[in-house]
Amino acid sequence: MTTFSELIKSIISDLHQAGFIKDADDLQRLANLALDQTLLTDTRNDALKQIEMRCHVKWLGDLYLPRLSQKDWWGRLEKLARSTKKR
């Protein structure tokens, strides 16, 4: 089973490779907040909600990543969205 950290790193890498640097950097910033155990729980939970919102078909799901099929890309985003709820 893929961990939240592994999954988000993989998606950030996919975004970088496809040239979506701003989106990748934004997701990295949110991941850093979500994973920082020194921050308040509310801050981490807000970052997780922001990540989940970006997994929507009309946000990051709307991007075209040449090395992934749309089905694979949406599947990865759906997995990430589910993993934010488990944290």
N, C-alpha and C. Protein backbone atom coordinates (compact mmCIF):
# COMPACT_ATOMS: atom_id res chain seq x y z
N MET A 1 0.84 -1.19 0.00
CA MET A 1 0.00 0.00 0.00
C MET A 1 0.88 1.25 0.00
N THR A 2 0.52 2.19 -0.82
CA THR A 2 1.27 3.43 -0.95
C THR A 2 0.89 4.39 0.17
N THR A 3 1.89 4.99 0.80
CA THR A 3 1.61 5.96 1.85
C THR A 3 1.25 7.31 1.25
N PHE A 4 0.66 8.15 2.07
CA PHE A 4 0.32 9.51 1.65
C PHE A 4 1.58 10.22 1.13
N SER A 5 2.68 10.11 1.88
CA SER A 5 3.92 10.80 1.50
C SER A 5 4.44 10.32 0.15
N GLU A 6 4.43 9.01 -0.08
CA GLU A 6 4.90 8.46 -1.35
C GLU A 6 4.01 8.91 -2.50
N LEU A 7 2.72 8.87 -2.27
CA LEU A 7 1.76 9.23 -3.31
C LEU A 7 1.88 10.70 -3.69
N ILE A 8 1.98 11.57 -2.70
CA ILE A 8 2.05 13.00 -3.01
C ILE A 8 3.38 13.34 -3.69
N LYS A 9 4.47 12.69 -3.27
CA LYS A 9 5.76 12.91 -3.94
C LYS A 9 5.70 12.49 -5.39
N SER A 10 5.06 11.37 -5.65
CA SER A 10 4.92 10.86 -7.01
C SER A 10 4.09 11.82 -7.88
N ILE A 11 3.00 12.32 -7.35
CA ILE A 11 2.14 13.24 -8.10
C ILE A 11 2.85 14.57 -8.34
N ILE A 12 3.58 15.05 -7.35
CA ILE A 12 4.36 16.28 -7.52
C ILE A 12 5.41 16.08 -8.61
N SER A 13 6.05 14.93 -8.63
CA SER A 13 7.04 14.61 -9.66
C SER A 13 6.38 14.57 -11.04
N ASP A 14 5.20 13.96 -11.13
CA ASP A 14 4.48 13.91 -12.41
C ASP A 14 4.16 15.31 -12.91
N LEU A 15 3.72 16.18 -12.00
CA LEU A 15 3.41 17.56 -12.38
C LEU A 15 4.65 18.30 -12.86
N HIS A 16 5.77 18.11 -12.16
CA HIS A 16 7.03 18.75 -12.58
C HIS A 16 7.43 18.27 -13.97
N GLN A 17 7.38 16.96 -14.19
CA GLN A 17 7.78 16.40 -15.49
C GLN A 17 6.92 16.91 -16.63
N ALA A 18 5.65 17.18 -16.35
CA ALA A 18 4.74 17.67 -17.38
C ALA A 18 4.80 19.18 -17.53
N GLY A 19 5.62 19.86 -16.71
CA GLY A 19 5.78 21.30 -16.83
C GLY A 19 4.81 22.13 -16.01
N PHE A 20 4.07 21.49 -15.13
CA PHE A 20 3.12 22.22 -14.28
C PHE A 20 3.80 22.57 -12.96
N ILE A 21 4.81 23.44 -13.05
CA ILE A 21 5.68 23.77 -11.92
C ILE A 21 4.91 24.48 -10.81
N LYS A 22 4.08 25.45 -11.18
CA LYS A 22 3.32 26.20 -10.17
C LYS A 22 2.41 25.26 -9.38
N ASP A 23 1.72 24.36 -10.07
CA ASP A 23 0.83 23.41 -9.39
C ASP A 23 1.63 22.45 -8.52
N ALA A 24 2.78 22.00 -9.01
CA ALA A 24 3.63 21.09 -8.25
C ALA A 24 4.14 21.78 -6.99
N ASP A 25 4.60 23.01 -7.12
CA ASP A 25 5.11 23.77 -5.97
C ASP A 25 4.02 24.04 -4.95
N ASP A 26 2.82 24.35 -5.43
CA ASP A 26 1.68 24.60 -4.56
C ASP A 26 1.34 23.32 -3.77
N LEU A 27 1.32 22.19 -4.47
CA LEU A 27 1.03 20.92 -3.80
C LEU A 27 2.12 20.57 -2.80
N GLN A 28 3.38 20.86 -3.14
CA GLN A 28 4.49 20.59 -2.23
C GLN A 28 4.36 21.43 -0.96
N ARG A 29 3.99 22.69 -1.12
CA ARG A 29 3.82 23.58 0.03
C ARG A 29 2.73 23.03 0.96
N LEU A 30 1.62 22.60 0.37
CA LEU A 30 0.53 22.04 1.17
C LEU A 30 0.94 20.72 1.83
N ALA A 31 1.67 19.90 1.11
CA ALA A 31 2.14 18.63 1.67
C ALA A 31 3.06 18.88 2.86
N ASN A 32 3.93 19.87 2.73
CA ASN A 32 4.84 20.22 3.83
C ASN A 32 4.05 20.61 5.08
N LEU A 33 2.99 21.39 4.88
CA LEU A 33 2.15 21.80 6.00
C LEU A 33 1.43 20.59 6.60
N ALA A 34 0.88 19.74 5.73
CA ALA A 34 0.11 18.59 6.19
C ALA A 34 0.97 17.60 6.97
N LEU A 35 2.23 17.51 6.62
CA LEU A 35 3.11 16.51 7.23
C LEU A 35 3.91 17.04 8.42
N ASP A 36 3.85 18.34 8.66
CA ASP A 36 4.64 18.95 9.73
C ASP A 36 3.95 18.75 11.09
N GLN A 37 4.46 17.81 11.86
CA GLN A 37 3.85 17.46 13.15
C GLN A 37 4.00 18.56 14.20
N THR A 38 4.82 19.58 13.93
CA THR A 38 4.97 20.67 14.89
C THR A 38 3.85 21.71 14.75
N LEU A 39 3.08 21.62 13.68
CA LEU A 39 1.99 22.58 13.46
C LEU A 39 0.73 22.12 14.18
N LEU A 40 -0.17 23.05 14.39
CA LEU A 40 -1.46 22.73 15.01
C LEU A 40 -2.24 21.77 14.11
N THR A 41 -3.03 20.93 14.74
CA THR A 41 -3.84 19.95 14.01
C THR A 41 -4.74 20.65 13.00
N ASP A 42 -5.33 21.77 13.38
CA ASP A 42 -6.21 22.51 12.46
C ASP A 42 -5.47 22.95 11.21
N THR A 43 -4.23 23.39 11.36
CA THR A 43 -3.42 23.83 10.23
C THR A 43 -3.15 22.65 9.29
N ARG A 44 -2.78 21.51 9.89
CA ARG A 44 -2.50 20.32 9.08
C ARG A 44 -3.77 19.83 8.38
N ASN A 45 -4.88 19.84 9.10
CA ASN A 45 -6.14 19.40 8.51
C ASN A 45 -6.60 20.31 7.38
N ASP A 46 -6.38 21.62 7.54
CA ASP A 46 -6.72 22.57 6.48
C ASP A 46 -5.88 22.29 5.23
N ALA A 47 -4.60 22.00 5.42
CA ALA A 47 -3.74 21.68 4.27
C ALA A 47 -4.23 20.41 3.59
N LEU A 48 -4.64 19.41 4.36
CA LEU A 48 -5.17 18.18 3.77
C LEU A 48 -6.45 18.44 2.98
N LYS A 49 -7.31 19.32 3.50
CA LYS A 49 -8.54 19.68 2.77
C LYS A 49 -8.20 20.39 1.46
N GLN A 50 -7.19 21.26 1.51
CA GLN A 50 -6.77 21.96 0.30
C GLN A 50 -6.23 20.97 -0.74
N ILE A 51 -5.47 19.98 -0.28
CA ILE A 51 -4.95 18.95 -1.19
C ILE A 51 -6.12 18.17 -1.80
N GLU A 52 -7.06 17.78 -0.94
CA GLU A 52 -8.22 17.03 -1.43
C GLU A 52 -8.98 17.82 -2.50
N MET A 53 -9.17 19.11 -2.29
CA MET A 53 -9.88 19.95 -3.26
C MET A 53 -9.16 19.96 -4.60
N ARG A 54 -7.84 19.94 -4.58
CA ARG A 54 -7.06 19.98 -5.82
C ARG A 54 -7.15 18.67 -6.61
N CYS A 55 -7.57 17.61 -5.94
CA CYS A 55 -7.69 16.30 -6.61
C CYS A 55 -8.94 16.20 -7.47
N HIS A 56 -9.75 17.22 -7.48
CA HIS A 56 -10.99 17.23 -8.26
C HIS A 56 -10.69 17.25 -9.76
N VAL A 57 -11.60 16.66 -10.54
CA VAL A 57 -11.49 16.60 -11.99
C VAL A 57 -11.37 17.99 -12.61
N LYS A 58 -11.99 18.97 -12.00
CA LYS A 58 -11.96 20.33 -12.55
C LYS A 58 -10.76 21.14 -12.06
N TRP A 59 -9.86 20.54 -11.30
CA TRP A 59 -8.67 21.25 -10.84
C TRP A 59 -7.45 20.55 -11.41
N LEU A 60 -6.74 19.77 -10.63
CA LEU A 60 -5.58 19.06 -11.17
C LEU A 60 -5.99 17.99 -12.18
N GLY A 61 -7.17 17.44 -12.02
CA GLY A 61 -7.65 16.42 -12.95
C GLY A 61 -7.87 16.95 -14.35
N ASP A 62 -7.93 18.26 -14.47
CA ASP A 62 -8.14 18.91 -15.76
C ASP A 62 -6.83 19.02 -16.55
N LEU A 63 -5.71 18.74 -15.92
CA LEU A 63 -4.41 18.88 -16.57
C LEU A 63 -4.11 17.65 -17.43
N TYR A 64 -3.37 17.89 -18.51
CA TYR A 64 -2.95 16.79 -19.39
C TYR A 64 -1.50 16.43 -19.08
N LEU A 65 -1.29 15.20 -18.67
CA LEU A 65 0.06 14.69 -18.40
C LEU A 65 0.38 13.64 -19.47
N PRO A 66 1.28 13.97 -20.39
CA PRO A 66 1.52 13.11 -21.55
C PRO A 66 1.93 11.67 -21.21
N ARG A 67 2.60 11.45 -20.11
CA ARG A 67 3.07 10.09 -19.84
C ARG A 67 2.06 9.23 -19.07
N LEU A 68 0.90 9.80 -18.74
CA LEU A 68 -0.15 9.05 -18.05
C LEU A 68 -1.45 9.15 -18.84
N SER A 69 -2.20 8.06 -18.86
CA SER A 69 -3.54 8.15 -19.46
C SER A 69 -4.42 8.96 -18.51
N GLN A 70 -5.48 9.51 -19.04
CA GLN A 70 -6.38 10.30 -18.20
C GLN A 70 -6.94 9.42 -17.08
N LYS A 71 -7.25 8.17 -17.39
CA LYS A 71 -7.78 7.25 -16.39
C LYS A 71 -6.76 7.03 -15.26
N ASP A 72 -5.48 6.83 -15.62
CA ASP A 72 -4.43 6.64 -14.61
C ASP A 72 -4.26 7.88 -13.76
N TRP A 73 -4.25 9.05 -14.40
CA TRP A 73 -4.08 10.32 -13.68
C TRP A 73 -5.21 10.53 -12.70
N TRP A 74 -6.45 10.36 -13.16
CA TRP A 74 -7.60 10.54 -12.28
C TRP A 74 -7.58 9.52 -11.15
N GLY A 75 -7.15 8.31 -11.45
CA GLY A 75 -7.06 7.27 -10.43
C GLY A 75 -6.08 7.64 -9.34
N ARG A 76 -4.95 8.21 -9.75
CA ARG A 76 -3.94 8.63 -8.77
C ARG A 76 -4.45 9.77 -7.91
N LEU A 77 -5.15 10.71 -8.53
CA LEU A 77 -5.71 11.84 -7.78
C LEU A 77 -6.79 11.35 -6.81
N GLU A 78 -7.58 10.39 -7.26
CA GLU A 78 -8.62 9.83 -6.39
C GLU A 78 -8.00 9.13 -5.18
N LYS A 79 -6.92 8.40 -5.43
CA LYS A 79 -6.19 7.73 -4.35
C LYS A 79 -5.67 8.75 -3.34
N LEU A 80 -5.11 9.85 -3.86
CA LEU A 80 -4.59 10.90 -3.00
C LEU A 80 -5.71 11.52 -2.17
N ALA A 81 -6.85 11.79 -2.81
CA ALA A 81 -7.99 12.38 -2.11
C ALA A 81 -8.44 11.45 -0.98
N ARG A 82 -8.49 10.15 -1.25
CA ARG A 82 -8.89 9.20 -0.21
C ARG A 82 -7.88 9.17 0.92
N SER A 83 -6.60 9.26 0.58
CA SER A 83 -5.57 9.19 1.62
C SER A 83 -5.56 10.44 2.50
N THR A 84 -6.03 11.59 1.97
CA THR A 84 -6.11 12.79 2.81
C THR A 84 -7.17 12.61 3.89
N LYS A 85 -8.21 11.86 3.59
CA LYS A 85 -9.29 11.64 4.55
C LYS A 85 -8.86 10.69 5.66
N LYS A 86 -7.90 9.82 5.36
CA LYS A 86 -7.43 8.85 6.36
C LYS A 86 -6.47 9.48 7.36
N ARG A 87 -5.87 10.61 6.99
CA ARG A 87 -4.88 11.23 7.86
C ARG A 87 -5.52 12.03 8.96
